PDB file of N, CA and C in Angstrom:
ATOM      1  N   MET A   1     -13.141 -12.046  -1.800  1.00  0.00           N
ATOM      2  CA  MET A   1     -12.501 -12.047  -0.149  1.00  0.00           C
ATOM      3  C   MET A   1     -14.365 -13.175   0.639  1.00  0.00           C
ATOM      4  N   SER A   2     -15.009 -13.005   0.084  1.00  0.00           N
ATOM      5  CA  SER A   2     -15.804 -13.571   0.774  1.00  0.00           C
ATOM      6  C   SER A   2     -15.824 -15.175   1.472  1.00  0.00           C
ATOM      7  N   GLN A   3     -15.244 -15.552   0.341  1.00  0.00           N
ATOM      8  CA  GLN A   3     -15.102 -16.858   0.176  1.00  0.00           C
ATOM      9  C   GLN A   3     -13.873 -17.489   0.983  1.00  0.00           C
ATOM     10  N   GLY A   4     -12.959 -16.759   1.246  1.00  0.00           N
ATOM     11  CA  GLY A   4     -11.736 -16.302   1.695  1.00  0.00           C
ATOM     12  C   GLY A   4     -10.943 -16.271   0.796  1.00  0.00           C
ATOM     13  N   TRP A   5     -10.738 -16.448  -0.648  1.00  0.00           N
ATOM     14  CA  TRP A   5      -9.514 -16.313  -1.301  1.00  0.00           C
ATOM     15  C   TRP A   5      -9.039 -15.051  -0.753  1.00  0.00           C
ATOM     16  N   LEU A   6      -7.533 -14.157  -0.130  1.00  0.00           N
ATOM     17  CA  LEU A   6      -6.749 -12.974  -0.170  1.00  0.00           C
ATOM     18  C   LEU A   6      -5.918 -13.153  -1.423  1.00  0.00           C
ATOM     19  N   PRO A   7      -5.787 -11.879  -1.810  1.00  0.00           N
ATOM     20  CA  PRO A   7      -4.581 -11.988  -2.720  1.00  0.00           C
ATOM     21  C   PRO A   7      -3.132 -12.368  -2.120  1.00  0.00           C
ATOM     22  N   ASP A   8      -1.658 -12.693  -2.827  1.00  0.00           N
ATOM     23  CA  ASP A   8      -0.904 -12.997  -2.199  1.00  0.00           C
ATOM     24  C   ASP A   8       0.023 -11.982  -2.558  1.00  0.00           C
ATOM     25  N   ILE A   9      -0.008 -11.097  -3.000  1.00  0.00           N
ATOM     26  CA  ILE A   9       0.289  -9.695  -3.054  1.00  0.00           C
ATOM     27  C   ILE A   9      -0.345  -8.480  -3.222  1.00  0.00           C
ATOM     28  N   ILE A  10      -0.191  -7.113  -2.879  1.00  0.00           N
ATOM     29  CA  ILE A  10      -1.128  -6.074  -3.112  1.00  0.00           C
ATOM     30  C   ILE A  10       0.413  -5.625  -3.448  1.00  0.00           C
ATOM     31  N   SER A  11      -0.546  -5.058  -4.955  1.00  0.00           N
ATOM     32  CA  SER A  11       0.434  -3.933  -5.720  1.00  0.00           C
ATOM     33  C   SER A  11      -0.556  -3.026  -6.554  1.00  0.00           C
ATOM     34  N   THR A  12       0.069  -2.253  -7.287  1.00  0.00           N
ATOM     35  CA  THR A  12      -0.702  -0.666  -8.230  1.00  0.00           C
ATOM     36  C   THR A  12      -0.435  -2.014  -9.725  1.00  0.00           C
ATOM     37  N   ASP A  13       0.433  -2.677  -9.952  1.00  0.00           N
ATOM     38  CA  ASP A  13       0.475  -3.310 -11.150  1.00  0.00           C
ATOM     39  C   ASP A  13       0.785  -1.661 -12.350  1.00  0.00           C
ATOM     40  N   VAL A  14      -0.215  -1.631 -12.818  1.00  0.00           N
ATOM     41  CA  VAL A  14      -0.349  -0.385 -13.841  1.00  0.00           C
ATOM     42  C   VAL A  14      -1.411  -0.033 -13.802  1.00  0.00           C
ATOM     43  N   ALA A  15      -1.678  -0.111 -12.963  1.00  0.00           N
ATOM     44  CA  ALA A  15      -3.119   0.463 -12.202  1.00  0.00           C
ATOM     45  C   ALA A  15      -3.156   2.101 -11.844  1.00  0.00           C
ATOM     46  N   ARG A  16      -4.132   2.495 -12.867  1.00  0.00           N
ATOM     47  CA  ARG A  16      -4.110   4.059 -13.255  1.00  0.00           C
ATOM     48  C   ARG A  16      -5.328   4.964 -12.359  1.00  0.00           C
ATOM     49  N   MET A  17      -5.682   6.022 -12.096  1.00  0.00           N
ATOM     50  CA  MET A  17      -6.678   6.755 -11.828  1.00  0.00           C
ATOM     51  C   MET A  17      -7.594   7.138 -12.847  1.00  0.00           C
ATOM     52  N   PRO A  18      -8.855   7.782 -12.564  1.00  0.00           N
ATOM     53  CA  PRO A  18      -9.200   8.368 -13.869  1.00  0.00           C
ATOM     54  C   PRO A  18      -9.012   9.257 -15.445  1.00  0.00           C
ATOM     55  N   ASP A  19      -8.171   9.738 -14.158  1.00  0.00           N
ATOM     56  CA  ASP A  19      -6.789  11.125 -15.137  1.00  0.00           C
ATOM     57  C   ASP A  19      -6.114  10.048 -15.660  1.00  0.00           C
ATOM     58  N   ARG A  20      -5.675   8.724 -15.634  1.00  0.00           N
ATOM     59  CA  ARG A  20      -5.219   8.293 -16.216  1.00  0.00           C
ATOM     60  C   ARG A  20      -3.386   8.087 -15.602  1.00  0.00           C
ATOM     61  N   THR A  21      -3.277   9.117 -14.713  1.00  0.00           N
ATOM     62  CA  THR A  21      -2.221   8.889 -13.923  1.00  0.00           C
ATOM     63  C   THR A  21      -1.608   7.527 -12.707  1.00  0.00           C
ATOM     64  N   PRO A  22      -0.651   7.621 -12.711  1.00  0.00           N
ATOM     65  CA  PRO A  22      -0.594   5.985 -11.548  1.00  0.00           C
ATOM     66  C   PRO A  22      -0.545   6.451 -10.684  1.00  0.00           C
ATOM     67  N   THR A  23      -1.280   5.308  -9.989  1.00  0.00           N
ATOM     68  CA  THR A  23      -1.978   5.196  -8.515  1.00  0.00           C
ATOM     69  C   THR A  23      -0.538   4.671  -7.833  1.00  0.00           C
ATOM     70  N   SER A  24      -1.564   5.357  -6.491  1.00  0.00           N
ATOM     71  CA  SER A  24      -0.604   5.271  -4.899  1.00  0.00           C
ATOM     72  C   SER A  24      -0.637   3.845  -5.043  1.00  0.00           C
ATOM     73  N   LEU A  25       0.702   3.074  -4.246  1.00  0.00           N
ATOM     74  CA  LEU A  25       0.322   2.078  -3.189  1.00  0.00           C
ATOM     75  C   LEU A  25      -0.856   2.173  -2.419  1.00  0.00           C
ATOM     76  N   LEU A  26      -1.144   3.150  -2.096  1.00  0.00           N
ATOM     77  CA  LEU A  26      -1.512   3.250  -0.830  1.00  0.00           C
ATOM     78  C   LEU A  26      -3.215   3.129  -0.912  1.00  0.00           C
ATOM     79  N   VAL A  27      -3.404   3.486  -2.590  1.00  0.00           N
ATOM     80  CA  VAL A  27      -5.436   3.106  -2.894  1.00  0.00           C
ATOM     81  C   VAL A  27      -5.717   1.609  -2.504  1.00  0.00           C
ATOM     82  N   PRO A  28      -4.349   0.647  -3.135  1.00  0.00           N
ATOM     83  CA  PRO A  28      -5.058  -0.161  -3.008  1.00  0.00           C
ATOM     84  C   PRO A  28      -5.146  -1.150  -2.103  1.00  0.00           C
ATOM     85  N   MET A  29      -4.425  -0.693  -0.596  1.00  0.00           N
ATOM     86  CA  MET A  29      -4.086  -0.794   0.400  1.00  0.00           C
ATOM     87  C   MET A  29      -5.350  -0.991   1.160  1.00  0.00           C
ATOM     88  N   ALA A  30      -5.761   0.564   0.962  1.00  0.00           N
ATOM     89  CA  ALA A  30      -7.179   1.191   1.784  1.00  0.00           C
ATOM     90  C   ALA A  30      -8.306   0.659   1.122  1.00  0.00           C
ATOM     91  N   SER A  31      -7.985   0.171  -0.137  1.00  0.00           N
ATOM     92  CA  SER A  31      -9.231  -0.584  -0.462  1.00  0.00           C
ATOM     93  C   SER A  31      -9.612  -2.043   0.339  1.00  0.00           C
ATOM     94  N   PHE A  32      -8.664  -2.941  -0.186  1.00  0.00           N
ATOM     95  CA  PHE A  32      -8.481  -3.864   0.780  1.00  0.00           C
ATOM     96  C   PHE A  32      -8.616  -3.703   2.179  1.00  0.00           C
ATOM     97  N   LEU A  33      -8.225  -3.046   2.984  1.00  0.00           N
ATOM     98  CA  LEU A  33      -8.705  -2.733   4.425  1.00  0.00           C
ATOM     99  C   LEU A  33     -10.281  -2.500   4.577  1.00  0.00           C
ATOM    100  N   HIS A  34     -10.997  -1.719   3.461  1.00  0.00           N
ATOM    101  CA  HIS A  34     -12.234  -1.582   3.216  1.00  0.00           C
ATOM    102  C   HIS A  34     -12.800  -2.964   3.133  1.00  0.00           C
ATOM    103  N   LEU A  35     -12.916  -3.735   2.242  1.00  0.00           N
ATOM    104  CA  LEU A  35     -13.494  -5.074   2.176  1.00  0.00           C
ATOM    105  C   LEU A  35     -12.879  -6.493   3.042  1.00  0.00           C
ATOM    106  N   GLY A  36     -12.239  -5.670   3.960  1.00  0.00           N
ATOM    107  CA  GLY A  36     -12.416  -6.328   5.408  1.00  0.00           C
ATOM    108  C   GLY A  36     -10.564  -7.667   5.706  1.00  0.00           C
ATOM    109  N   MET A  37      -9.749  -6.913   4.847  1.00  0.00           N
ATOM    110  CA  MET A  37      -8.271  -7.398   5.817  1.00  0.00           C
ATOM    111  C   MET A  37      -8.091  -6.591   6.416  1.00  0.00           C
ATOM    112  N   SER A  38      -7.516  -7.488   7.621  1.00  0.00           N
ATOM    113  CA  SER A  38      -6.309  -6.568   8.796  1.00  0.00           C
ATOM    114  C   SER A  38      -4.955  -5.939   7.912  1.00  0.00           C
ATOM    115  N   LEU A  39      -5.094  -4.996   9.096  1.00  0.00           N
ATOM    116  CA  LEU A  39      -4.038  -4.258   8.890  1.00  0.00           C
ATOM    117  C   LEU A  39      -2.949  -5.424   8.558  1.00  0.00           C
ATOM    118  N   ASP A  40      -2.658  -6.126   9.404  1.00  0.00           N
ATOM    119  CA  ASP A  40      -1.359  -6.773   9.554  1.00  0.00           C
ATOM    120  C   ASP A  40      -1.215  -7.874   8.224  1.00  0.00           C
ATOM    121  N   GLN A  41      -2.264  -8.690   7.557  1.00  0.00           N
ATOM    122  CA  GLN A  41      -2.499  -8.773   6.419  1.00  0.00           C
ATOM    123  C   GLN A  41      -2.244  -7.803   4.966  1.00  0.00           C
ATOM    124  N   ILE A  42      -2.411  -6.741   5.398  1.00  0.00           N
ATOM    125  CA  ILE A  42      -2.003  -6.047   4.245  1.00  0.00           C
ATOM    126  C   ILE A  42      -0.509  -5.635   4.286  1.00  0.00           C
ATOM    127  N   VAL A  43      -0.173  -5.188   5.374  1.00  0.00           N
ATOM    128  CA  VAL A  43       1.510  -4.921   5.749  1.00  0.00           C
ATOM    129  C   VAL A  43       2.169  -6.108   5.002  1.00  0.00           C
ATOM    130  N   GLU A  44       1.841  -7.200   5.431  1.00  0.00           N
ATOM    131  CA  GLU A  44       2.670  -8.389   4.910  1.00  0.00           C
ATOM    132  C   GLU A  44       2.635  -8.374   3.699  1.00  0.00           C
ATOM    133  N   ARG A  45       1.387  -8.245   2.758  1.00  0.00           N
ATOM    134  CA  ARG A  45       1.340  -8.454   1.078  1.00  0.00           C
ATOM    135  C   ARG A  45       1.809  -7.173   0.489  1.00  0.00           C
ATOM    136  N   VAL A  46       2.140  -6.116   1.139  1.00  0.00           N
ATOM    137  CA  VAL A  46       3.127  -5.466   0.559  1.00  0.00           C
ATOM    138  C   VAL A  46       4.520  -5.198   1.119  1.00  0.00           C
ATOM    139  N   THR A  47       4.768  -6.000   1.626  1.00  0.00           N
ATOM    140  CA  THR A  47       6.358  -6.204   2.023  1.00  0.00           C
ATOM    141  C   THR A  47       6.800  -7.248   2.371  1.00  0.00           C
ATOM    142  N   THR A  48       7.056  -7.912   3.060  1.00  0.00           N
ATOM    143  CA  THR A  48       7.326  -9.539   3.260  1.00  0.00           C
ATOM    144  C   THR A  48       6.990 -10.522   2.379  1.00  0.00           C
ATOM    145  N   ILE A  49       5.550 -10.307   1.651  1.00  0.00           N
ATOM    146  CA  ILE A  49       5.558 -11.812   0.750  1.00  0.00           C
ATOM    147  C   ILE A  49       6.102 -11.224  -0.244  1.00  0.00           C
ATOM    148  N   PRO A  50       6.164  -9.694  -0.859  1.00  0.00           N
ATOM    149  CA  PRO A  50       6.271  -9.729  -2.138  1.00  0.00           C
ATOM    150  C   PRO A  50       8.696 -10.136  -2.037  1.00  0.00           C
ATOM    151  N   GLY A  51       8.647  -9.603  -1.246  1.00  0.00           N
ATOM    152  CA  GLY A  51      10.215  -9.434  -0.558  1.00  0.00           C
ATOM    153  C   GLY A  51      10.472 -11.171  -0.851  1.00  0.00           C
ATOM    154  N   LYS A  52       9.739 -12.123  -0.170  1.00  0.00           N
ATOM    155  CA  LYS A  52      10.095 -13.479  -0.444  1.00  0.00           C
ATOM    156  C   LYS A  52       9.924 -14.127  -1.590  1.00  0.00           C
ATOM    157  N   ILE A  53       8.825 -13.762  -2.724  1.00  0.00           N
ATOM    158  CA  ILE A  53       8.499 -14.055  -3.531  1.00  0.00           C
ATOM    159  C   ILE A  53       9.663 -13.782  -4.553  1.00  0.00           C
ATOM    160  N   LEU A  54       9.764 -12.489  -4.948  1.00  0.00           N
ATOM    161  CA  LEU A  54      10.415 -11.994  -5.849  1.00  0.00           C
ATOM    162  C   LEU A  54      12.126 -12.026  -5.355  1.00  0.00           C
ATOM    163  N   ASN A  55      12.622 -12.849  -4.936  1.00  0.00           N
ATOM    164  CA  ASN A  55      13.911 -13.210  -4.020  1.00  0.00           C
ATOM    165  C   ASN A  55      15.334 -12.467  -4.993  1.00  0.00           C
ATOM    166  N   TYR A  56      14.874 -11.140  -4.210  1.00  0.00           N
ATOM    167  CA  TYR A  56      16.188 -10.592  -4.436  1.00  0.00           C
ATOM    168  C   TYR A  56      17.596 -10.957  -3.630  1.00  0.00           C
ATOM    169  N   PRO A  57      18.715 -10.452  -4.641  1.00  0.00           N
ATOM    170  CA  PRO A  57      19.481 -10.645  -3.970  1.00  0.00           C
ATOM    171  C   PRO A  57      19.755 -10.771  -2.526  1.00  0.00           C
ATOM    172  N   GLU A  58      19.193  -9.333  -1.851  1.00  0.00           N
ATOM    173  CA  GLU A  58      19.324  -8.517  -0.638  1.00  0.00           C
ATOM    174  C   GLU A  58      18.057  -8.751  -0.113  1.00  0.00           C
ATOM    175  N   LYS A  59      18.088  -8.628   1.559  1.00  0.00           N
ATOM    176  CA  LYS A  59      16.678  -8.680   1.741  1.00  0.00           C
ATOM    177  C   LYS A  59      16.022  -7.504   1.822  1.00  0.00           C
ATOM    178  N   VAL A  60      14.897  -7.635   1.076  1.00  0.00           N
ATOM    179  CA  VAL A  60      14.015  -6.767   1.302  1.00  0.00           C
ATOM    180  C   VAL A  60      12.834  -7.293   1.866  1.00  0.00           C
ATOM    181  N   GLY A  61      11.744  -5.746   2.134  1.00  0.00           N
ATOM    182  CA  GLY A  61      10.409  -5.884   2.976  1.00  0.00           C
ATOM    183  C   GLY A  61      10.810  -6.687   4.269  1.00  0.00           C
ATOM    184  N   THR A  62      11.880  -6.366   4.832  1.00  0.00           N
ATOM    185  CA  THR A  62      11.981  -6.764   6.597  1.00  0.00           C
ATOM    186  C   THR A  62      12.651  -5.579   7.115  1.00  0.00           C
ATOM    187  N   LEU A  63      12.232  -5.736   8.481  1.00  0.00           N
ATOM    188  CA  LEU A  63      13.481  -4.856   9.496  1.00  0.00           C
ATOM    189  C   LEU A  63      14.206  -5.299  10.485  1.00  0.00           C
ATOM    190  N   GLU A  64      14.478  -6.720   9.466  1.00  0.00           N
ATOM    191  CA  GLU A  64      16.058  -7.468  10.521  1.00  0.00           C
ATOM    192  C   GLU A  64      17.087  -6.971  10.959  1.00  0.00           C
ATOM    193  N   PRO A  65      17.436  -7.150  12.057  1.00  0.00           N
ATOM    194  CA  PRO A  65      19.031  -6.755  12.098  1.00  0.00           C
ATOM    195  C   PRO A  65      20.238  -7.395  11.071  1.00  0.00           C
ATOM    196  N   GLY A  66      20.474  -5.850  10.447  1.00  0.00           N
ATOM    197  CA  GLY A  66      21.203  -5.716   9.739  1.00  0.00           C
ATOM    198  C   GLY A  66      21.243  -5.295   8.601  1.00  0.00           C
ATOM    199  N   VAL A  67      20.056  -5.536   8.224  1.00  0.00           N
ATOM    200  CA  VAL A  67      19.258  -5.300   6.040  1.00  0.00           C
ATOM    201  C   VAL A  67      19.244  -3.498   6.352  1.00  0.00           C
ATOM    202  N   PRO A  68      19.308  -2.950   5.460  1.00  0.00           N
ATOM    203  CA  PRO A  68      19.128  -1.847   5.650  1.00  0.00           C
ATOM    204  C   PRO A  68      17.473  -1.425   5.579  1.00  0.00           C
ATOM    205  N   ALA A  69      17.158  -0.191   5.978  1.00  0.00           N
ATOM    206  CA  ALA A  69      15.872   0.268   6.420  1.00  0.00           C
ATOM    207  C   ALA A  69      15.495   0.624   5.770  1.00  0.00           C
ATOM    208  N   ASP A  70      14.679   0.639   4.668  1.00  0.00           N
ATOM    209  CA  ASP A  70      14.008   1.460   3.380  1.00  0.00           C
ATOM    210  C   ASP A  70      12.407   0.918   3.820  1.00  0.00           C
ATOM    211  N   VAL A  71      11.553   2.222   4.589  1.00  0.00           N
ATOM    212  CA  VAL A  71      10.965   2.572   5.414  1.00  0.00           C
ATOM    213  C   VAL A  71       9.853   3.288   5.017  1.00  0.00           C
ATOM    214  N   SER A  72       8.520   2.997   4.942  1.00  0.00           N
ATOM    215  CA  SER A  72       7.372   4.106   4.167  1.00  0.00           C
ATOM    216  C   SER A  72       6.964   4.123   6.265  1.00  0.00           C
ATOM    217  N   ILE A  73       6.579   5.438   6.552  1.00  0.00           N
ATOM    218  CA  ILE A  73       5.827   5.587   7.736  1.00  0.00           C
ATOM    219  C   ILE A  73       4.603   6.180   7.314  1.00  0.00           C
ATOM    220  N   LEU A  74       3.481   5.125   7.472  1.00  0.00           N
ATOM    221  CA  LEU A  74       2.273   5.744   7.249  1.00  0.00           C
ATOM    222  C   LEU A  74       1.129   6.226   8.607  1.00  0.00           C
ATOM    223  N   GLU A  75       0.464   7.010   8.226  1.00  0.00           N
ATOM    224  CA  GLU A  75      -0.604   7.213   9.116  1.00  0.00           C
ATOM    225  C   GLU A  75      -1.724   6.317   8.566  1.00  0.00           C
ATOM    226  N   LEU A  76      -2.766   5.678   9.356  1.00  0.00           N
ATOM    227  CA  LEU A  76      -4.118   5.402   9.227  1.00  0.00           C
ATOM    228  C   LEU A  76      -5.508   6.056   9.569  1.00  0.00           C
ATOM    229  N   ILE A  77      -6.314   6.924   9.031  1.00  0.00           N
ATOM    230  CA  ILE A  77      -6.842   7.987   9.346  1.00  0.00           C
ATOM    231  C   ILE A  77      -8.321   7.348   8.612  1.00  0.00           C
ATOM    232  N   ASP A  78      -8.976   8.357   9.843  1.00  0.00           N
ATOM    233  CA  ASP A  78     -10.408   8.238   9.704  1.00  0.00           C
ATOM    234  C   ASP A  78     -10.845   9.133   8.256  1.00  0.00           C
ATOM    235  N   GLU A  79     -11.314   8.739   7.721  1.00  0.00           N
ATOM    236  CA  GLU A  79     -11.628   9.969   6.578  1.00  0.00           C
ATOM    237  C   GLU A  79     -11.895   9.741   5.280  1.00  0.00           C
ATOM    238  N   ASP A  80     -12.981   9.633   4.619  1.00  0.00           N
ATOM    239  CA  ASP A  80     -13.661   9.130   3.765  1.00  0.00           C
ATOM    240  C   ASP A  80     -12.829   9.751   2.217  1.00  0.00           C
ATOM    241  N   PHE A  81     -13.472   8.710   1.487  1.00  0.00           N
ATOM    242  CA  PHE A  81     -12.624   9.441   0.430  1.00  0.00           C
ATOM    243  C   PHE A  81     -12.660   8.384  -1.154  1.00  0.00           C
ATOM    244  N   GLU A  82     -12.930   8.599  -2.046  1.00  0.00           N
ATOM    245  CA  GLU A  82     -13.765   7.850  -2.972  1.00  0.00           C
ATOM    246  C   GLU A  82     -12.768   7.300  -3.746  1.00  0.00           C
ATOM    247  N   ALA A  83     -12.814   5.895  -3.924  1.00  0.00           N
ATOM    248  CA  ALA A  83     -11.680   4.670  -5.251  1.00  0.00           C
ATOM    249  C   ALA A  83     -12.440   4.543  -5.856  1.00  0.00           C
ATOM    250  N   ALA A  84     -11.739   4.442  -7.200  1.00  0.00           N
ATOM    251  CA  ALA A  84     -12.514   4.430  -8.485  1.00  0.00           C
ATOM    252  C   ALA A  84     -11.690   2.919  -9.143  1.00  0.00           C
ATOM    253  N   ASP A  85     -12.494   2.166  -9.758  1.00  0.00           N
ATOM    254  CA  ASP A  85     -11.075   1.345 -10.659  1.00  0.00           C
ATOM    255  C   ASP A  85     -11.644   1.511 -12.474  1.00  0.00           C
ATOM    256  N   MET A  86     -10.960   1.139 -12.928  1.00  0.00           N
ATOM    257  CA  MET A  86     -11.434   1.100 -14.579  1.00  0.00           C
ATOM    258  C   MET A  86     -11.700   0.398 -14.952  1.00  0.00           C
ATOM    259  N   SER A  87     -13.100  -0.157 -14.598  1.00  0.00           N
ATOM    260  CA  SER A  87     -13.832  -1.251 -15.142  1.00  0.00           C
ATOM    261  C   SER A  87     -14.381  -0.100 -16.356  1.00  0.00           C
ATOM    262  N   ARG A  88     -15.822  -0.511 -17.119  1.00  0.00           N
ATOM    263  CA  ARG A  88     -16.377   0.646 -18.378  1.00  0.00           C
ATOM    264  C   ARG A  88     -18.104   0.156 -17.617  1.00  0.00           C
ATOM    265  N   PRO A  89     -18.650   0.953 -16.911  1.00  0.00           N
ATOM    266  CA  PRO A  89     -18.600   2.678 -16.506  1.00  0.00           C
ATOM    267  C   PRO A  89     -17.730   2.533 -14.959  1.00  0.00           C
ATOM    268  N   ALA A  90     -16.999   3.130 -14.921  1.00  0.00           N
ATOM    269  CA  ALA A  90     -15.926   2.891 -13.407  1.00  0.00           C
ATOM    270  C   ALA A  90     -17.202   3.028 -12.087  1.00  0.00           C
ATOM    271  N   HIS A  91     -17.076   2.229 -11.944  1.00  0.00           N
ATOM    272  CA  HIS A  91     -17.396   1.977  -9.925  1.00  0.00           C
ATOM    273  C   HIS A  91     -16.627   2.802  -9.150  1.00  0.00           C
ATOM    274  N   THR A  92     -17.353   3.477  -8.552  1.00  0.00           N
ATOM    275  CA  THR A  92     -16.636   4.389  -6.881  1.00  0.00           C
ATOM    276  C   THR A  92     -16.965   3.643  -5.881  1.00  0.00           C
ATOM    277  N   ARG A  93     -16.132   3.717  -5.049  1.00  0.00           N
ATOM    278  CA  ARG A  93     -16.457   3.515  -4.159  1.00  0.00           C
ATOM    279  C   ARG A  93     -15.923   4.438  -2.884  1.00  0.00           C
ATOM    280  N   THR A  94     -16.704   4.544  -1.580  1.00  0.00           N
ATOM    281  CA  THR A  94     -16.845   5.753  -0.527  1.00  0.00           C
ATOM    282  C   THR A  94     -16.080   4.800   0.455  1.00  0.00           C
ATOM    283  N   LEU A  95     -14.459   4.998   0.735  1.00  0.00           N
ATOM    284  CA  LEU A  95     -13.719   4.056   1.775  1.00  0.00           C
ATOM    285  C   LEU A  95     -13.436   4.966   2.492  1.00  0.00           C
ATOM    286  N   LYS A  96     -13.467   4.265   4.383  1.00  0.00           N
ATOM    287  CA  LYS A  96     -14.033   5.024   5.280  1.00  0.00           C
ATOM    288  C   LYS A  96     -12.600   5.336   5.820  1.00  0.00           C
ATOM    289  N   LYS A  97     -11.375   4.808   5.693  1.00  0.00           N
ATOM    290  CA  LYS A  97     -10.053   4.894   5.677  1.00  0.00           C
ATOM    291  C   LYS A  97      -9.259   5.183   4.536  1.00  0.00           C
ATOM    292  N   GLN A  98      -7.850   5.610   5.069  1.00  0.00           N
ATOM    293  CA  GLN A  98      -7.502   5.619   4.212  1.00  0.00           C
ATOM    294  C   GLN A  98      -5.506   6.180   4.604  1.00  0.00           C
ATOM    295  N   PHE A  99      -4.597   5.653   3.713  1.00  0.00           N
ATOM    296  CA  PHE A  99      -3.718   6.052   4.331  1.00  0.00           C
ATOM    297  C   PHE A  99      -3.107   7.048   4.117  1.00  0.00           C
ATOM    298  N   MET A 100      -2.079   7.700   5.289  1.00  0.00           N
ATOM    299  CA  MET A 100      -1.173   9.312   4.961  1.00  0.00           C
ATOM    300  C   MET A 100       0.102   9.244   4.899  1.00  0.00           C
ATOM    301  N   PRO A 101       0.789   9.393   3.719  1.00  0.00           N
ATOM    302  CA  PRO A 101       2.565   9.179   4.542  1.00  0.00           C
ATOM    303  C   PRO A 101       2.845   9.945   5.264  1.00  0.00           C
ATOM    304  N   ILE A 102       3.574   9.828   6.337  1.00  0.00           N
ATOM    305  CA  ILE A 102       4.205  10.794   7.159  1.00  0.00           C
ATOM    306  C   ILE A 102       5.797  10.670   6.667  1.00  0.00           C
ATOM    307  N   ALA A 103       6.892   9.918   6.638  1.00  0.00           N
ATOM    308  CA  ALA A 103       8.057   9.973   6.420  1.00  0.00           C
ATOM    309  C   ALA A 103       8.250   8.669   5.352  1.00  0.00           C
ATOM    310  N   THR A 104       9.523   8.573   5.060  1.00  0.00           N
ATOM    311  CA  THR A 104      10.282   7.656   4.173  1.00  0.00           C
ATOM    312  C   THR A 104      11.704   7.494   4.623  1.00  0.00           C
ATOM    313  N   MET A 105      12.442   6.330   4.878  1.00  0.00           N
ATOM    314  CA  MET A 105      13.343   6.261   5.421  1.00  0.00           C
ATOM    315  C   MET A 105      14.391   5.237   3.969  1.00  0.00           C
ATOM    316  N   LYS A 106      15.488   5.590   3.346  1.00  0.00           N
ATOM    317  CA  LYS A 106      15.848   4.712   2.332  1.00  0.00           C
ATOM    318  C   LYS A 106      17.243   4.269   3.409  1.00  0.00           C
ATOM    319  N   SER A 107      17.867   3.048   3.740  1.00  0.00           N
ATOM    320  CA  SER A 107      18.755   2.517   3.627  1.00  0.00           C
ATOM    321  C   SER A 107      19.100   3.429   5.613  1.00  0.00           C
ATOM    322  N   GLY A 108      17.778   3.045   5.872  1.00  0.00           N
ATOM    323  CA  GLY A 108      17.864   3.912   7.369  1.00  0.00           C
ATOM    324  C   GLY A 108      18.244   5.669   7.974  1.00  0.00           C
ATOM    325  N   ILE A 109      18.063   6.202   6.547  1.00  0.00           N
ATOM    326  CA  ILE A 109      18.329   7.545   6.421  1.00  0.00           C
ATOM    327  C   ILE A 109      17.185   8.090   6.064  1.00  0.00           C
ATOM    328  N   PHE A 110      16.653   9.090   6.638  1.00  0.00           N
ATOM    329  CA  PHE A 110      15.486   9.970   6.296  1.00  0.00           C
ATOM    330  C   PHE A 110      15.668  10.512   5.148  1.00  0.00           C
ATOM    331  N   VAL A 111      14.666  10.701   4.313  1.00  0.00           N
ATOM    332  CA  VAL A 111      14.475  11.155   3.307  1.00  0.00           C
ATOM    333  C   VAL A 111      13.856  11.971   2.646  1.00  0.00           C
ATOM    334  N   LYS A 112      12.301  11.763   3.350  1.00  0.00           N
ATOM    335  CA  LYS A 112      11.297  12.499   2.862  1.00  0.00           C
ATOM    336  C   LYS A 112      10.332  12.887   4.262  1.00  0.00           C
ATOM    337  N   ALA A 113       9.793  13.804   3.875  1.00  0.00           N
ATOM    338  CA  ALA A 113       8.435  13.919   4.696  1.00  0.00           C
ATOM    339  C   ALA A 113       7.737  14.924   3.636  1.00  0.00           C
ATOM    340  N   PRO A 114       6.174  14.657   3.608  1.00  0.00           N
ATOM    341  CA  PRO A 114       5.129  15.276   2.877  1.00  0.00           C
ATOM    342  C   PRO A 114       5.398  16.156   2.898  1.00  0.00           C
ATOM    343  N   ALA A 115       5.230  17.318   2.087  1.00  0.00           N
ATOM    344  CA  ALA A 115       5.318  18.715   2.005  1.00  0.00           C
ATOM    345  C   ALA A 115       4.079  19.066   3.009  1.00  0.00           C
ATOM    346  N   THR A 116       4.194  20.195   4.166  1.00  0.00           N
ATOM    347  CA  THR A 116       2.860  20.824   4.405  1.00  0.00           C
ATOM    348  C   THR A 116       2.401  22.090   4.493  1.00  0.00           C
ATOM    349  N   THR A 117       1.610  22.465   4.722  1.00  0.00           N
ATOM    350  CA  THR A 117       0.896  23.527   4.153  1.00  0.00           C
ATOM    351  C   THR A 117       0.925  24.650   5.501  1.00  0.00           C
TER     352      THR A 117
END
């Protein structure tokens, strides 16, 4: 990143947490924010660019009129959390911001909000 090399797409691939459970896409998004990518660059790399590269028959990764709205509503909060990679030995980094899920819409219909306590 310090040399200007940015990923085309941000995904989890087969990323796992230290306990081997699948990781959330929100973790690499927060990691790239920590490394200096802008919020706009990150959102583009988890929405628009993958939609174009994967060439789905329907339009995805956009909020254009007439396209089904599949939307994750997130909040970016200032809160430290530890992010680990799966290198041996594992390296951790304290990130200063994280994305929190607020709600999900599928085809424009409200589907889910996180459980509240």
